[in-house]
């Protein structure tokens, strides 16, 4: 599986990611208990980890941890914008 995903072009990986997120939305629609923000966050984090694992990387390579105060502000603004 690692080599299959690793050899795909980037646009196809993004398309596959969103197809799987859409499938998760249908699953959450069929099971009302799963229709929650934490479910979608878990699915997207798991998919991100799987795609990174296929390329031999970890979640740390995303550089998600802010290092200075302007990065924290950008993270906050992005989170609020995403929620809206």
C-alpha atoms as a PDB file:
ATOM      1  CA  UNK A   1       0.000   0.000   0.000  1.00  0.00           C
ATOM      2  CA  UNK A   2       2.885   2.340   0.755  1.00  0.00           C
ATOM      3  CA  UNK A   3       4.236   2.188  -2.777  1.00  0.00           C
ATOM      4  CA  UNK A   4       0.794   2.509  -4.371  1.00  0.00           C
ATOM      5  CA  UNK A   5      -0.045   5.728  -2.518  1.00  0.00           C
ATOM      6  CA  UNK A   6       3.482   7.093  -2.832  1.00  0.00           C
ATOM      7  CA  UNK A   7       3.440   6.733  -6.629  1.00  0.00           C
ATOM      8  CA  UNK A   8       0.136   8.600  -7.089  1.00  0.00           C
ATOM      9  CA  UNK A   9       0.247  12.195  -8.340  1.00  0.00           C
ATOM     10  CA  UNK A  10      -0.544  14.876  -5.763  1.00  0.00           C
ATOM     11  CA  UNK A  11      -3.893  15.842  -7.309  1.00  0.00           C
ATOM     12  CA  UNK A  12      -5.060  12.233  -7.098  1.00  0.00           C
ATOM     13  CA  UNK A  13      -4.042  11.995  -3.433  1.00  0.00           C
ATOM     14  CA  UNK A  14      -6.055  15.139  -2.661  1.00  0.00           C
ATOM     15  CA  UNK A  15      -9.020  13.770  -4.615  1.00  0.00           C
ATOM     16  CA  UNK A  16      -8.813  10.463  -2.736  1.00  0.00           C
ATOM     17  CA  UNK A  17      -8.618  12.326   0.577  1.00  0.00           C
ATOM     18  CA  UNK A  18     -11.824  14.234  -0.159  1.00  0.00           C
ATOM     19  CA  UNK A  19     -13.587  11.127  -1.472  1.00  0.00           C
ATOM     20  CA  UNK A  20     -12.808   9.393   1.820  1.00  0.00           C
ATOM     21  CA  UNK A  21     -14.017  12.424   3.801  1.00  0.00           C
ATOM     22  CA  UNK A  22     -17.248  12.366   1.784  1.00  0.00           C
ATOM     23  CA  UNK A  23     -17.618   8.668   2.568  1.00  0.00           C
ATOM     24  CA  UNK A  24     -17.186   9.518   6.253  1.00  0.00           C
ATOM     25  CA  UNK A  25     -19.971  12.089   5.895  1.00  0.00           C
ATOM     26  CA  UNK A  26     -22.295   9.410   4.508  1.00  0.00           C
ATOM     27  CA  UNK A  27     -21.367   7.057   7.347  1.00  0.00           C
ATOM     28  CA  UNK A  28     -22.064   9.820   9.864  1.00  0.00           C
ATOM     29  CA  UNK A  29     -25.412  10.451   8.170  1.00  0.00           C
ATOM     30  CA  UNK A  30     -26.353   6.798   8.574  1.00  0.00           C
ATOM     31  CA  UNK A  31     -25.155   6.659  12.195  1.00  0.00           C
ATOM     32  CA  UNK A  32     -26.384   9.841  13.924  1.00  0.00           C
ATOM     33  CA  UNK A  33     -24.137   9.278  16.954  1.00  0.00           C
ATOM     34  CA  UNK A  34     -21.086   9.838  14.710  1.00  0.00           C
ATOM     35  CA  UNK A  35     -22.341  13.109  13.249  1.00  0.00           C
ATOM     36  CA  UNK A  36     -20.055  15.260  15.376  1.00  0.00           C
ATOM     37  CA  UNK A  37     -17.068  17.533  14.851  1.00  0.00           C
ATOM     38  CA  UNK A  38     -14.799  15.137  16.757  1.00  0.00           C
ATOM     39  CA  UNK A  39     -15.626  12.324  14.315  1.00  0.00           C
ATOM     40  CA  UNK A  40     -14.697  14.431  11.273  1.00  0.00           C
ATOM     41  CA  UNK A  41     -11.560  15.701  12.987  1.00  0.00           C
ATOM     42  CA  UNK A  42     -10.540  12.136  13.867  1.00  0.00           C
ATOM     43  CA  UNK A  43     -11.160  10.907  10.321  1.00  0.00           C
ATOM     44  CA  UNK A  44      -9.203  13.751   8.740  1.00  0.00           C
ATOM     45  CA  UNK A  45      -6.322  13.301  11.191  1.00  0.00           C
ATOM     46  CA  UNK A  46      -6.265   9.554  10.529  1.00  0.00           C
ATOM     47  CA  UNK A  47      -6.295  10.077   6.763  1.00  0.00           C
ATOM     48  CA  UNK A  48      -3.514  12.649   7.033  1.00  0.00           C
ATOM     49  CA  UNK A  49      -1.467  10.240   9.117  1.00  0.00           C
ATOM     50  CA  UNK A  50      -2.033   7.410   6.612  1.00  0.00           C
ATOM     51  CA  UNK A  51      -0.947   9.529   3.660  1.00  0.00           C
ATOM     52  CA  UNK A  52       2.117  10.757   5.532  1.00  0.00           C
ATOM     53  CA  UNK A  53       2.956   7.223   6.684  1.00  0.00           C
ATOM     54  CA  UNK A  54       2.799   6.037   3.075  1.00  0.00           C
ATOM     55  CA  UNK A  55       5.456   8.630   2.220  1.00  0.00           C
ATOM     56  CA  UNK A  56       7.624   7.709   5.204  1.00  0.00           C
ATOM     57  CA  UNK A  57       6.889  10.902   7.148  1.00  0.00           C
ATOM     58  CA  UNK A  58       5.291  11.713  10.507  1.00  0.00           C
ATOM     59  CA  UNK A  59       2.769  14.316  11.651  1.00  0.00           C
ATOM     60  CA  UNK A  60       5.686  16.354  13.010  1.00  0.00           C
ATOM     61  CA  UNK A  61       6.847  17.015   9.443  1.00  0.00           C
ATOM     62  CA  UNK A  62       3.759  19.187   8.939  1.00  0.00           C
ATOM     63  CA  UNK A  63       5.339  21.776  11.278  1.00  0.00           C
ATOM     64  CA  UNK A  64       2.013  22.241  13.010  1.00  0.00           C
ATOM     65  CA  UNK A  65       3.476  23.543  16.274  1.00  0.00           C
ATOM     66  CA  UNK A  66       3.640  27.370  16.257  1.00  0.00           C
ATOM     67  CA  UNK A  67       6.997  28.819  17.277  1.00  0.00           C
ATOM     68  CA  UNK A  68       6.320  32.536  17.725  1.00  0.00           C
ATOM     69  CA  UNK A  69       3.399  34.739  18.711  1.00  0.00           C
ATOM     70  CA  UNK A  70       2.514  35.625  15.113  1.00  0.00           C
ATOM     71  CA  UNK A  71       2.220  31.894  14.322  1.00  0.00           C
ATOM     72  CA  UNK A  72      -0.197  31.477  17.247  1.00  0.00           C
ATOM     73  CA  UNK A  73      -2.279  34.370  15.904  1.00  0.00           C
ATOM     74  CA  UNK A  74      -2.312  32.825  12.430  1.00  0.00           C
ATOM     75  CA  UNK A  75      -3.357  29.474  13.908  1.00  0.00           C
ATOM     76  CA  UNK A  76      -6.166  31.143  15.868  1.00  0.00           C
ATOM     77  CA  UNK A  77      -7.393  33.126  12.842  1.00  0.00           C
ATOM     78  CA  UNK A  78      -7.292  30.015  10.647  1.00  0.00           C
ATOM     79  CA  UNK A  79      -9.185  27.966  13.204  1.00  0.00           C
ATOM     80  CA  UNK A  80     -11.865  30.642  13.647  1.00  0.00           C
ATOM     81  CA  UNK A  81     -12.114  31.087   9.877  1.00  0.00           C
ATOM     82  CA  UNK A  82     -12.464  27.346   9.377  1.00  0.00           C
ATOM     83  CA  UNK A  83     -15.177  27.097  12.010  1.00  0.00           C
ATOM     84  CA  UNK A  84     -17.136  29.957  10.438  1.00  0.00           C
END
